[in-house]
């Protein structure tokens, strides 16, 4: 069933932060999005929304057809008409089969994050998984991929040095500022960032 595994979405690698911010969902919106995915033929799917990505991970008997339907769903979330949809389509990525499963492993292990090794994405993936379970949107293929990805993520954190450097955008920015200016107590700064990242 690996051939029917699908990931489609927008990430820091494919689109702007402002677009990801517009696509992002809060927890209260996710059940409705999962219901919409059911109407698109997904029996197994989760909706992952983080500062780095908004994506659907799931299983569908016709992955390429499902990818187009999810692209339409994302376009609708942005309130785009058909004429504007092309601008979004160029910023989405679609992975199927083995490439999709590999991506899930990379996300869980924080290898596909803006800051490699950041610890939050695994918790966000697990939260998205719990919401999919609550919505009745899991099954053997999705569960197998996610459980294997969680095990891989645990090994990556315990058997490598991935978490030894700056593990968040905020920590990396502070480190760069210190490297450039030394003691920051005497410095002023203009902070620019998306949502919570700017606040932190």
N, C-alpha and C. Protein backbone atom coordinates (compact mmCIF):
# COMPACT_ATOMS: atom_id res chain seq x y z
N UNK A 1 0.81 -1.21 0.00
CA UNK A 1 0.00 0.00 0.00
C UNK A 1 0.85 1.28 0.00
N UNK A 2 2.20 1.13 0.03
CA UNK A 2 3.05 2.33 0.06
C UNK A 2 2.80 3.20 -1.17
N UNK A 3 2.39 2.58 -2.28
CA UNK A 3 2.16 3.35 -3.51
C UNK A 3 1.03 4.35 -3.36
N UNK A 4 0.11 4.11 -2.44
CA UNK A 4 -1.03 5.02 -2.27
C UNK A 4 -0.79 6.08 -1.20
N UNK A 5 0.44 6.11 -0.64
CA UNK A 5 0.76 7.12 0.37
C UNK A 5 1.03 8.45 -0.32
N UNK A 6 0.55 9.52 0.28
CA UNK A 6 0.58 10.84 -0.36
C UNK A 6 0.88 11.92 0.67
N UNK A 7 1.71 12.87 0.30
CA UNK A 7 1.89 14.10 1.08
C UNK A 7 1.79 15.26 0.10
N UNK A 8 0.93 16.22 0.43
CA UNK A 8 0.84 17.44 -0.38
C UNK A 8 0.72 18.63 0.55
N UNK A 9 1.39 19.71 0.20
CA UNK A 9 1.30 20.90 1.04
C UNK A 9 2.25 21.99 0.61
N UNK A 10 2.46 22.90 1.52
CA UNK A 10 3.36 24.03 1.31
C UNK A 10 4.32 24.06 2.49
N UNK A 11 5.60 24.26 2.19
CA UNK A 11 6.58 24.29 3.27
C UNK A 11 7.52 25.47 3.10
N UNK A 12 8.42 25.63 4.07
CA UNK A 12 9.41 26.70 4.00
C UNK A 12 10.31 26.54 2.79
N UNK A 13 10.37 25.35 2.21
CA UNK A 13 11.19 25.11 1.02
C UNK A 13 10.48 25.54 -0.26
N UNK A 14 9.14 25.62 -0.23
CA UNK A 14 8.40 25.84 -1.47
C UNK A 14 7.64 27.14 -1.54
N UNK A 15 7.35 27.77 -0.40
CA UNK A 15 6.53 28.98 -0.47
C UNK A 15 6.92 29.98 0.61
N UNK A 16 6.37 31.16 0.48
CA UNK A 16 6.70 32.25 1.39
C UNK A 16 6.08 32.06 2.76
N UNK A 17 6.67 32.70 3.75
CA UNK A 17 6.12 32.66 5.10
C UNK A 17 4.74 33.27 5.18
N UNK A 18 4.49 34.32 4.43
CA UNK A 18 3.17 34.96 4.48
C UNK A 18 2.09 34.03 3.95
N UNK A 19 2.42 33.25 2.92
CA UNK A 19 1.44 32.30 2.40
C UNK A 19 1.20 31.17 3.39
N UNK A 20 2.26 30.65 3.99
CA UNK A 20 2.09 29.60 5.01
C UNK A 20 1.27 30.10 6.17
N UNK A 21 1.47 31.37 6.52
CA UNK A 21 0.70 31.96 7.62
C UNK A 21 -0.79 32.00 7.28
N UNK A 22 -1.10 32.31 6.03
CA UNK A 22 -2.51 32.35 5.60
C UNK A 22 -3.13 30.96 5.53
N UNK A 23 -2.33 29.95 5.21
CA UNK A 23 -2.83 28.58 5.13
C UNK A 23 -2.97 27.92 6.50
N UNK A 24 -2.25 28.42 7.48
CA UNK A 24 -2.20 27.78 8.80
C UNK A 24 -3.59 27.68 9.43
N UNK A 25 -3.74 26.63 10.23
CA UNK A 25 -5.00 26.42 10.94
C UNK A 25 -4.73 26.35 12.42
N UNK A 26 -5.72 26.77 13.20
CA UNK A 26 -5.60 26.51 14.63
C UNK A 26 -6.32 25.19 14.93
N UNK A 27 -6.13 24.70 16.13
CA UNK A 27 -6.64 23.38 16.50
C UNK A 27 -8.14 23.24 16.30
N UNK A 28 -8.88 24.31 16.57
CA UNK A 28 -10.34 24.24 16.47
C UNK A 28 -10.82 24.02 15.03
N UNK A 29 -10.01 24.41 14.05
CA UNK A 29 -10.40 24.27 12.65
C UNK A 29 -10.14 22.88 12.08
N UNK A 30 -9.24 22.12 12.71
CA UNK A 30 -8.78 20.86 12.13
C UNK A 30 -9.89 19.83 11.93
N UNK A 31 -10.83 19.63 12.88
CA UNK A 31 -11.87 18.63 12.62
C UNK A 31 -12.66 18.89 11.34
N UNK A 32 -12.97 20.14 11.06
CA UNK A 32 -13.70 20.47 9.83
C UNK A 32 -12.86 20.17 8.59
N UNK A 33 -11.55 20.44 8.67
CA UNK A 33 -10.66 20.15 7.54
C UNK A 33 -10.59 18.64 7.32
N UNK A 34 -10.51 17.87 8.40
CA UNK A 34 -10.46 16.41 8.26
C UNK A 34 -11.76 15.88 7.66
N UNK A 35 -12.89 16.46 8.05
CA UNK A 35 -14.17 16.06 7.44
C UNK A 35 -14.17 16.34 5.95
N UNK A 36 -13.59 17.47 5.58
CA UNK A 36 -13.52 17.80 4.15
C UNK A 36 -12.64 16.79 3.42
N UNK A 37 -11.55 16.36 4.05
CA UNK A 37 -10.69 15.35 3.43
C UNK A 37 -11.44 14.04 3.22
N UNK A 38 -12.33 13.70 4.16
CA UNK A 38 -13.15 12.49 3.98
C UNK A 38 -13.98 12.60 2.71
N UNK A 39 -14.55 13.77 2.47
CA UNK A 39 -15.38 13.94 1.27
C UNK A 39 -14.55 13.86 -0.01
N UNK A 40 -13.23 14.04 0.12
CA UNK A 40 -12.34 13.93 -1.04
C UNK A 40 -11.84 12.50 -1.25
N UNK A 41 -12.34 11.57 -0.43
CA UNK A 41 -11.98 10.17 -0.61
C UNK A 41 -10.87 9.67 0.29
N UNK A 42 -10.39 10.49 1.21
CA UNK A 42 -9.37 10.03 2.16
C UNK A 42 -10.04 9.26 3.29
N UNK A 43 -9.58 8.05 3.52
CA UNK A 43 -10.01 7.30 4.70
C UNK A 43 -8.97 7.39 5.81
N UNK A 44 -7.74 7.68 5.41
CA UNK A 44 -6.63 7.84 6.35
C UNK A 44 -5.89 9.13 6.00
N UNK A 45 -5.88 10.08 6.92
CA UNK A 45 -5.17 11.34 6.66
C UNK A 45 -5.01 12.13 7.94
N UNK A 46 -3.98 12.95 7.94
CA UNK A 46 -3.83 13.95 9.00
C UNK A 46 -3.49 15.28 8.35
N UNK A 47 -3.78 16.34 9.11
CA UNK A 47 -3.53 17.71 8.67
C UNK A 47 -2.49 18.28 9.60
N UNK A 48 -1.31 18.59 9.08
CA UNK A 48 -0.21 19.12 9.89
C UNK A 48 0.01 20.58 9.55
N UNK A 49 -0.13 21.44 10.56
CA UNK A 49 0.05 22.88 10.37
C UNK A 49 1.05 23.38 11.40
N UNK A 50 2.23 23.79 10.93
CA UNK A 50 3.28 24.33 11.80
C UNK A 50 3.79 25.63 11.17
N UNK A 51 4.76 26.26 11.80
CA UNK A 51 5.32 27.48 11.21
C UNK A 51 6.10 27.17 9.94
N UNK A 52 6.57 25.93 9.78
CA UNK A 52 7.34 25.54 8.60
C UNK A 52 6.49 24.97 7.47
N UNK A 53 5.27 24.50 7.77
CA UNK A 53 4.53 23.74 6.77
C UNK A 53 3.04 23.67 7.07
N UNK A 54 2.26 23.49 6.02
CA UNK A 54 0.87 23.08 6.10
C UNK A 54 0.74 21.95 5.09
N UNK A 55 0.42 20.74 5.58
CA UNK A 55 0.39 19.62 4.66
C UNK A 55 -0.60 18.55 5.07
N UNK A 56 -1.03 17.80 4.09
CA UNK A 56 -1.85 16.61 4.30
C UNK A 56 -0.94 15.41 4.10
N UNK A 57 -0.97 14.50 5.07
CA UNK A 57 -0.30 13.22 4.94
C UNK A 57 -1.39 12.17 4.98
N UNK A 58 -1.43 11.29 4.00
CA UNK A 58 -2.49 10.31 4.02
C UNK A 58 -2.36 9.23 2.98
N UNK A 59 -3.41 8.44 2.90
CA UNK A 59 -3.48 7.31 1.98
C UNK A 59 -4.72 7.51 1.12
N UNK A 60 -4.55 7.36 -0.18
CA UNK A 60 -5.67 7.54 -1.11
C UNK A 60 -5.47 6.58 -2.27
N UNK A 61 -6.54 5.93 -2.74
CA UNK A 61 -6.38 4.98 -3.84
C UNK A 61 -5.92 5.62 -5.15
N UNK A 62 -6.17 6.93 -5.30
CA UNK A 62 -5.75 7.65 -6.51
C UNK A 62 -4.96 8.88 -6.08
N UNK A 63 -3.68 8.70 -5.74
CA UNK A 63 -2.89 9.79 -5.13
C UNK A 63 -2.82 11.06 -5.97
N UNK A 64 -2.63 10.95 -7.27
CA UNK A 64 -2.48 12.16 -8.07
C UNK A 64 -3.79 12.93 -8.17
N UNK A 65 -4.89 12.21 -8.28
CA UNK A 65 -6.21 12.86 -8.26
C UNK A 65 -6.45 13.53 -6.91
N UNK A 66 -6.05 12.84 -5.84
CA UNK A 66 -6.21 13.41 -4.49
C UNK A 66 -5.37 14.67 -4.32
N UNK A 67 -4.17 14.67 -4.91
CA UNK A 67 -3.30 15.85 -4.81
C UNK A 67 -3.96 17.07 -5.42
N UNK A 68 -4.62 16.91 -6.54
CA UNK A 68 -5.33 18.03 -7.17
C UNK A 68 -6.48 18.51 -6.28
N UNK A 69 -7.18 17.56 -5.67
CA UNK A 69 -8.30 17.94 -4.79
C UNK A 69 -7.80 18.69 -3.56
N UNK A 70 -6.68 18.26 -3.00
CA UNK A 70 -6.12 18.96 -1.84
C UNK A 70 -5.64 20.35 -2.24
N UNK A 71 -5.05 20.47 -3.43
CA UNK A 71 -4.65 21.79 -3.92
C UNK A 71 -5.85 22.72 -4.01
N UNK A 72 -6.98 22.19 -4.48
CA UNK A 72 -8.20 22.99 -4.53
C UNK A 72 -8.67 23.38 -3.13
N UNK A 73 -8.55 22.46 -2.19
CA UNK A 73 -8.92 22.75 -0.80
C UNK A 73 -8.07 23.88 -0.24
N UNK A 74 -6.76 23.83 -0.49
CA UNK A 74 -5.87 24.88 -0.01
C UNK A 74 -6.19 26.22 -0.67
N UNK A 75 -6.46 26.17 -1.97
CA UNK A 75 -6.82 27.39 -2.69
C UNK A 75 -8.08 28.01 -2.09
N UNK A 76 -9.05 27.15 -1.78
CA UNK A 76 -10.28 27.62 -1.16
C UNK A 76 -10.06 28.24 0.20
N UNK A 77 -9.12 27.68 0.98
CA UNK A 77 -8.82 28.24 2.30
C UNK A 77 -8.28 29.67 2.18
N UNK A 78 -7.60 29.93 1.07
CA UNK A 78 -7.04 31.26 0.86
C UNK A 78 -8.03 32.22 0.22
N UNK A 79 -9.20 31.71 -0.17
CA UNK A 79 -10.18 32.56 -0.84
C UNK A 79 -9.77 32.93 -2.24
N UNK A 80 -8.93 32.10 -2.87
CA UNK A 80 -8.47 32.39 -4.22
C UNK A 80 -9.50 31.92 -5.24
N UNK A 81 -9.59 32.65 -6.33
CA UNK A 81 -10.41 32.17 -7.43
C UNK A 81 -9.53 31.37 -8.38
N UNK A 82 -10.14 30.81 -9.42
CA UNK A 82 -9.39 29.94 -10.33
C UNK A 82 -8.22 30.66 -10.97
N UNK A 83 -8.37 31.96 -11.23
CA UNK A 83 -7.30 32.72 -11.89
C UNK A 83 -6.07 32.83 -10.99
N UNK A 84 -6.30 32.92 -9.67
CA UNK A 84 -5.19 33.06 -8.73
C UNK A 84 -4.61 31.71 -8.30
N UNK A 85 -5.34 30.64 -8.56
CA UNK A 85 -4.94 29.33 -8.07
C UNK A 85 -3.57 28.91 -8.61
N UNK A 86 -3.24 29.33 -9.80
CA UNK A 86 -1.96 28.97 -10.38
C UNK A 86 -0.79 29.46 -9.56
N UNK A 87 -0.92 30.61 -8.92
CA UNK A 87 0.17 31.13 -8.10
C UNK A 87 0.42 30.25 -6.89
N UNK A 88 -0.64 29.67 -6.33
CA UNK A 88 -0.48 28.75 -5.22
C UNK A 88 0.08 27.42 -5.70
N UNK A 89 -0.44 26.93 -6.82
CA UNK A 89 -0.02 25.62 -7.32
C UNK A 89 1.49 25.54 -7.48
N UNK A 90 2.10 26.62 -7.90
CA UNK A 90 3.55 26.63 -8.07
C UNK A 90 4.32 26.60 -6.77
N UNK A 91 3.63 26.79 -5.65
CA UNK A 91 4.29 26.81 -4.34
C UNK A 91 3.96 25.58 -3.50
N UNK A 92 3.20 24.65 -4.07
CA UNK A 92 2.88 23.41 -3.37
C UNK A 92 3.84 22.31 -3.78
N UNK A 93 4.00 21.32 -2.92
CA UNK A 93 4.76 20.13 -3.30
C UNK A 93 3.85 18.92 -3.16
N UNK A 94 4.09 17.92 -3.97
CA UNK A 94 3.35 16.67 -3.91
C UNK A 94 4.35 15.53 -3.94
N UNK A 95 4.22 14.62 -3.00
CA UNK A 95 5.06 13.43 -2.94
C UNK A 95 4.16 12.21 -2.83
N UNK A 96 4.52 11.15 -3.51
CA UNK A 96 3.74 9.92 -3.44
C UNK A 96 4.67 8.74 -3.18
N UNK A 97 4.06 7.65 -2.71
CA UNK A 97 4.79 6.41 -2.51
C UNK A 97 5.95 6.54 -1.54
N UNK A 98 7.08 5.95 -1.91
CA UNK A 98 8.25 5.93 -1.03
C UNK A 98 8.74 7.33 -0.69
N UNK A 99 8.69 8.25 -1.64
CA UNK A 99 9.14 9.63 -1.38
C UNK A 99 8.27 10.28 -0.30
N UNK A 100 6.97 9.99 -0.31
CA UNK A 100 6.07 10.56 0.70
C UNK A 100 6.39 10.00 2.09
N UNK A 101 6.62 8.70 2.16
CA UNK A 101 6.94 8.09 3.46
C UNK A 101 8.29 8.61 3.96
N UNK A 102 9.27 8.75 3.07
CA UNK A 102 10.56 9.30 3.47
C UNK A 102 10.38 10.71 4.05
N UNK A 103 9.51 11.50 3.42
CA UNK A 103 9.25 12.86 3.90
C UNK A 103 8.69 12.84 5.32
N UNK A 104 7.77 11.93 5.61
CA UNK A 104 7.20 11.83 6.96
C UNK A 104 8.32 11.56 7.97
N UNK A 105 9.26 10.69 7.62
CA UNK A 105 10.39 10.40 8.50
C UNK A 105 11.24 11.66 8.70
N UNK A 106 11.49 12.41 7.63
CA UNK A 106 12.30 13.62 7.72
C UNK A 106 11.63 14.68 8.58
N UNK A 107 10.32 14.81 8.45
CA UNK A 107 9.59 15.78 9.27
C UNK A 107 9.65 15.37 10.74
N UNK A 108 9.34 14.11 11.03
CA UNK A 108 9.33 13.64 12.42
C UNK A 108 10.70 13.81 13.07
N UNK A 109 11.75 13.61 12.30
CA UNK A 109 13.12 13.69 12.83
C UNK A 109 13.68 15.11 12.80
N UNK A 110 12.89 16.08 12.37
CA UNK A 110 13.25 17.49 12.23
C UNK A 110 14.41 17.70 11.27
N UNK A 111 14.51 16.84 10.27
CA UNK A 111 15.51 17.02 9.23
C UNK A 111 14.99 17.93 8.12
N UNK A 112 13.67 18.16 8.09
CA UNK A 112 13.06 19.01 7.07
C UNK A 112 12.54 20.30 7.69
N UNK A 113 13.18 20.75 8.74
CA UNK A 113 12.79 21.98 9.42
C UNK A 113 13.72 23.11 9.02
N UNK A 114 13.25 24.35 9.19
CA UNK A 114 14.13 25.49 8.91
C UNK A 114 15.38 25.42 9.77
N UNK A 115 15.22 25.01 11.01
CA UNK A 115 16.35 24.79 11.91
C UNK A 115 16.41 23.30 12.17
N UNK A 116 17.36 22.63 11.55
CA UNK A 116 17.48 21.17 11.68
C UNK A 116 17.72 20.82 13.14
N UNK A 117 16.95 19.87 13.65
CA UNK A 117 17.10 19.44 15.03
C UNK A 117 16.12 20.08 15.99
N UNK A 118 15.31 21.02 15.51
CA UNK A 118 14.36 21.66 16.44
C UNK A 118 13.38 20.60 16.97
N UNK A 119 13.05 20.64 18.26
CA UNK A 119 12.31 19.54 18.87
C UNK A 119 10.78 19.63 18.74
N UNK A 120 10.24 20.75 18.32
CA UNK A 120 8.80 20.96 18.40
C UNK A 120 8.00 20.22 17.35
N UNK A 121 8.58 19.99 16.18
CA UNK A 121 7.80 19.42 15.09
C UNK A 121 7.31 18.01 15.41
N UNK A 122 8.08 17.23 16.15
CA UNK A 122 7.63 15.88 16.49
C UNK A 122 6.37 15.96 17.36
N UNK A 123 6.35 16.86 18.31
CA UNK A 123 5.15 17.05 19.13
C UNK A 123 3.96 17.52 18.30
N UNK A 124 4.22 18.39 17.33
CA UNK A 124 3.15 18.88 16.47
C UNK A 124 2.61 17.76 15.58
N UNK A 125 3.50 16.90 15.08
CA UNK A 125 3.07 15.76 14.28
C UNK A 125 2.23 14.80 15.13
N UNK A 126 2.66 14.55 16.35
CA UNK A 126 1.90 13.66 17.24
C UNK A 126 0.53 14.26 17.56
N UNK A 127 0.46 15.58 17.74
CA UNK A 127 -0.83 16.22 18.00
C UNK A 127 -1.76 16.08 16.79
N UNK A 128 -1.20 16.27 15.59
CA UNK A 128 -2.00 16.10 14.37
C UNK A 128 -2.48 14.66 14.25
N UNK A 129 -1.63 13.71 14.63
CA UNK A 129 -1.99 12.29 14.61
C UNK A 129 -3.15 12.03 15.58
N UNK A 130 -3.07 12.58 16.80
CA UNK A 130 -4.16 12.39 17.78
C UNK A 130 -5.48 12.94 17.24
N UNK A 131 -5.43 14.07 16.56
CA UNK A 131 -6.65 14.65 16.01
C UNK A 131 -7.21 13.77 14.89
N UNK A 132 -6.33 13.17 14.10
CA UNK A 132 -6.78 12.26 13.05
C UNK A 132 -7.44 11.02 13.67
N UNK A 133 -6.85 10.51 14.75
CA UNK A 133 -7.44 9.36 15.45
C UNK A 133 -8.83 9.73 15.96
N UNK A 134 -8.94 10.91 16.59
CA UNK A 134 -10.23 11.35 17.13
C UNK A 134 -11.29 11.50 16.05
N UNK A 135 -10.85 11.83 14.82
CA UNK A 135 -11.79 12.01 13.71
C UNK A 135 -12.05 10.70 12.95
N UNK A 136 -11.43 9.60 13.40
CA UNK A 136 -11.61 8.33 12.71
C UNK A 136 -10.92 8.29 11.37
N UNK A 137 -9.80 9.01 11.25
CA UNK A 137 -9.11 9.13 9.96
C UNK A 137 -7.78 8.39 9.92
N UNK A 138 -7.63 7.35 10.75
CA UNK A 138 -6.40 6.57 10.70
C UNK A 138 -6.71 5.14 10.29
N UNK A 139 -5.67 4.44 9.90
CA UNK A 139 -5.80 3.07 9.47
C UNK A 139 -4.43 2.43 9.44
N UNK A 140 -4.32 1.21 8.96
CA UNK A 140 -3.05 0.48 9.08
C UNK A 140 -1.87 1.13 8.37
N UNK A 141 -2.07 1.67 7.18
CA UNK A 141 -0.95 2.26 6.45
C UNK A 141 -0.44 3.53 7.12
N UNK A 142 -1.35 4.42 7.46
CA UNK A 142 -0.96 5.66 8.13
C UNK A 142 -0.31 5.37 9.47
N UNK A 143 -0.91 4.45 10.25
CA UNK A 143 -0.34 4.11 11.55
C UNK A 143 1.06 3.52 11.42
N UNK A 144 1.24 2.63 10.46
CA UNK A 144 2.55 2.00 10.29
C UNK A 144 3.61 3.04 9.95
N UNK A 145 3.29 3.96 9.05
CA UNK A 145 4.25 4.99 8.66
C UNK A 145 4.58 5.90 9.83
N UNK A 146 3.56 6.33 10.57
CA UNK A 146 3.79 7.25 11.68
C UNK A 146 4.57 6.59 12.82
N UNK A 147 4.21 5.36 13.18
CA UNK A 147 4.92 4.69 14.27
C UNK A 147 6.38 4.47 13.91
N UNK A 148 6.64 4.11 12.65
CA UNK A 148 8.03 3.93 12.22
C UNK A 148 8.76 5.27 12.22
N UNK A 149 8.08 6.34 11.84
CA UNK A 149 8.70 7.67 11.84
C UNK A 149 9.01 8.13 13.26
N UNK A 150 8.12 7.85 14.21
CA UNK A 150 8.38 8.21 15.61
C UNK A 150 9.61 7.46 16.13
N UNK A 151 9.71 6.17 15.80
CA UNK A 151 10.87 5.38 16.25
C UNK A 151 12.15 5.93 15.64
N UNK A 152 12.11 6.29 14.37
CA UNK A 152 13.30 6.86 13.71
C UNK A 152 13.68 8.18 14.35
N UNK A 153 12.68 9.02 14.65
CA UNK A 153 12.96 10.32 15.27
C UNK A 153 13.64 10.14 16.63
N UNK A 154 13.18 9.15 17.39
CA UNK A 154 13.79 8.90 18.69
C UNK A 154 15.25 8.48 18.52
N UNK A 155 15.52 7.64 17.54
CA UNK A 155 16.90 7.22 17.29
C UNK A 155 17.76 8.40 16.84
N UNK A 156 17.22 9.24 15.97
CA UNK A 156 17.98 10.39 15.48
C UNK A 156 18.39 11.28 16.65
N UNK A 157 17.47 11.51 17.60
CA UNK A 157 17.77 12.39 18.73
C UNK A 157 18.75 11.74 19.72
N UNK A 158 18.64 10.42 19.88
CA UNK A 158 19.49 9.76 20.89
C UNK A 158 20.84 9.29 20.34
N UNK A 159 20.94 9.06 19.03
CA UNK A 159 22.15 8.47 18.47
C UNK A 159 22.98 9.44 17.62
N UNK A 160 22.50 10.68 17.47
CA UNK A 160 23.26 11.66 16.69
C UNK A 160 23.42 12.94 17.51
N UNK A 161 24.14 13.89 16.96
CA UNK A 161 24.35 15.18 17.64
C UNK A 161 23.40 16.26 17.12
N UNK A 162 22.29 15.85 16.52
CA UNK A 162 21.39 16.79 15.85
C UNK A 162 20.86 17.88 16.77
N UNK A 163 20.69 17.59 18.04
CA UNK A 163 20.08 18.56 18.96
C UNK A 163 21.11 19.38 19.73
N UNK A 164 22.37 19.33 19.36
CA UNK A 164 23.40 20.02 20.14
C UNK A 164 23.56 21.49 19.79
N UNK A 165 23.15 21.89 18.60
CA UNK A 165 23.26 23.30 18.22
C UNK A 165 22.00 24.05 18.54
N UNK A 166 21.85 25.21 17.91
CA UNK A 166 20.61 25.99 18.06
C UNK A 166 19.47 25.16 17.48
N UNK A 167 18.41 24.98 18.26
CA UNK A 167 17.32 24.10 17.81
C UNK A 167 16.01 24.87 17.62
N UNK A 168 16.09 26.16 17.42
CA UNK A 168 14.91 26.94 17.06
C UNK A 168 15.38 28.16 16.27
N UNK A 169 14.48 28.75 15.53
CA UNK A 169 14.79 29.96 14.78
C UNK A 169 15.20 31.06 15.75
N UNK A 170 14.51 31.12 16.88
CA UNK A 170 14.79 32.15 17.88
C UNK A 170 16.21 31.98 18.42
N UNK A 171 16.57 30.76 18.80
CA UNK A 171 17.91 30.52 19.35
C UNK A 171 18.99 30.81 18.30
N UNK A 172 18.73 30.44 17.05
CA UNK A 172 19.69 30.71 15.99
C UNK A 172 19.86 32.22 15.77
N UNK A 173 18.74 32.96 15.80
CA UNK A 173 18.81 34.41 15.59
C UNK A 173 19.59 35.08 16.73
N UNK A 174 19.34 34.65 17.95
CA UNK A 174 20.05 35.23 19.10
C UNK A 174 21.55 34.92 19.00
N UNK A 175 21.89 33.69 18.58
CA UNK A 175 23.29 33.32 18.45
C UNK A 175 23.99 34.16 17.39
N UNK A 176 23.33 34.37 16.25
CA UNK A 176 23.92 35.21 15.20
C UNK A 176 24.11 36.64 15.71
N UNK A 177 23.11 37.17 16.42
CA UNK A 177 23.21 38.53 16.96
C UNK A 177 24.38 38.63 17.95
N UNK A 178 24.53 37.63 18.80
CA UNK A 178 25.66 37.63 19.75
C UNK A 178 27.00 37.54 19.03
N UNK A 179 27.04 36.70 17.99
CA UNK A 179 28.28 36.57 17.23
C UNK A 179 28.68 37.90 16.58
N UNK A 180 27.69 38.66 16.12
CA UNK A 180 27.96 39.93 15.45
C UNK A 180 28.22 41.07 16.42
N UNK A 181 27.47 41.10 17.54
CA UNK A 181 27.48 42.29 18.40
C UNK A 181 27.98 42.03 19.83
N UNK A 182 28.31 40.80 20.16
CA UNK A 182 28.77 40.52 21.52
C UNK A 182 27.62 40.58 22.50
N UNK A 183 27.85 41.27 23.61
CA UNK A 183 26.84 41.38 24.65
C UNK A 183 25.64 42.17 24.12
N UNK A 184 24.47 41.58 24.16
CA UNK A 184 23.27 42.21 23.58
C UNK A 184 22.60 43.19 24.53
N UNK A 185 23.06 43.30 25.77
CA UNK A 185 22.40 44.20 26.73
C UNK A 185 22.48 45.65 26.29
N UNK A 186 23.49 46.00 25.52
CA UNK A 186 23.64 47.40 25.11
C UNK A 186 23.11 47.63 23.68
N UNK A 187 22.44 46.64 23.11
CA UNK A 187 21.95 46.75 21.74
C UNK A 187 20.44 46.97 21.69
N UNK A 188 20.00 47.65 20.64
CA UNK A 188 18.58 47.76 20.32
C UNK A 188 18.34 46.97 19.05
N UNK A 189 17.10 46.50 18.89
CA UNK A 189 16.82 45.68 17.70
C UNK A 189 15.38 45.87 17.27
N UNK A 190 15.15 45.72 15.97
CA UNK A 190 13.81 45.66 15.41
C UNK A 190 13.55 44.20 15.12
N UNK A 191 12.53 43.62 15.74
CA UNK A 191 12.22 42.20 15.57
C UNK A 191 11.14 42.04 14.53
N UNK A 192 11.38 41.16 13.57
CA UNK A 192 10.40 40.87 12.54
C UNK A 192 10.20 39.36 12.49
N UNK A 193 8.96 38.90 12.55
CA UNK A 193 8.72 37.46 12.50
C UNK A 193 7.25 37.17 12.40
N UNK A 194 6.97 35.91 12.08
CA UNK A 194 5.59 35.46 11.94
C UNK A 194 5.03 35.07 13.31
N UNK A 195 3.94 35.67 13.69
CA UNK A 195 3.20 35.24 14.87
C UNK A 195 4.05 35.04 16.10
N UNK A 196 3.98 33.81 16.64
CA UNK A 196 4.68 33.47 17.87
C UNK A 196 6.20 33.59 17.74
N UNK A 197 6.73 33.33 16.54
CA UNK A 197 8.18 33.43 16.37
C UNK A 197 8.65 34.86 16.61
N UNK A 198 7.91 35.84 16.10
CA UNK A 198 8.28 37.23 16.33
C UNK A 198 8.23 37.58 17.81
N UNK A 199 7.20 37.09 18.49
CA UNK A 199 7.06 37.35 19.92
C UNK A 199 8.21 36.75 20.71
N UNK A 200 8.56 35.50 20.40
CA UNK A 200 9.67 34.85 21.11
C UNK A 200 10.98 35.58 20.86
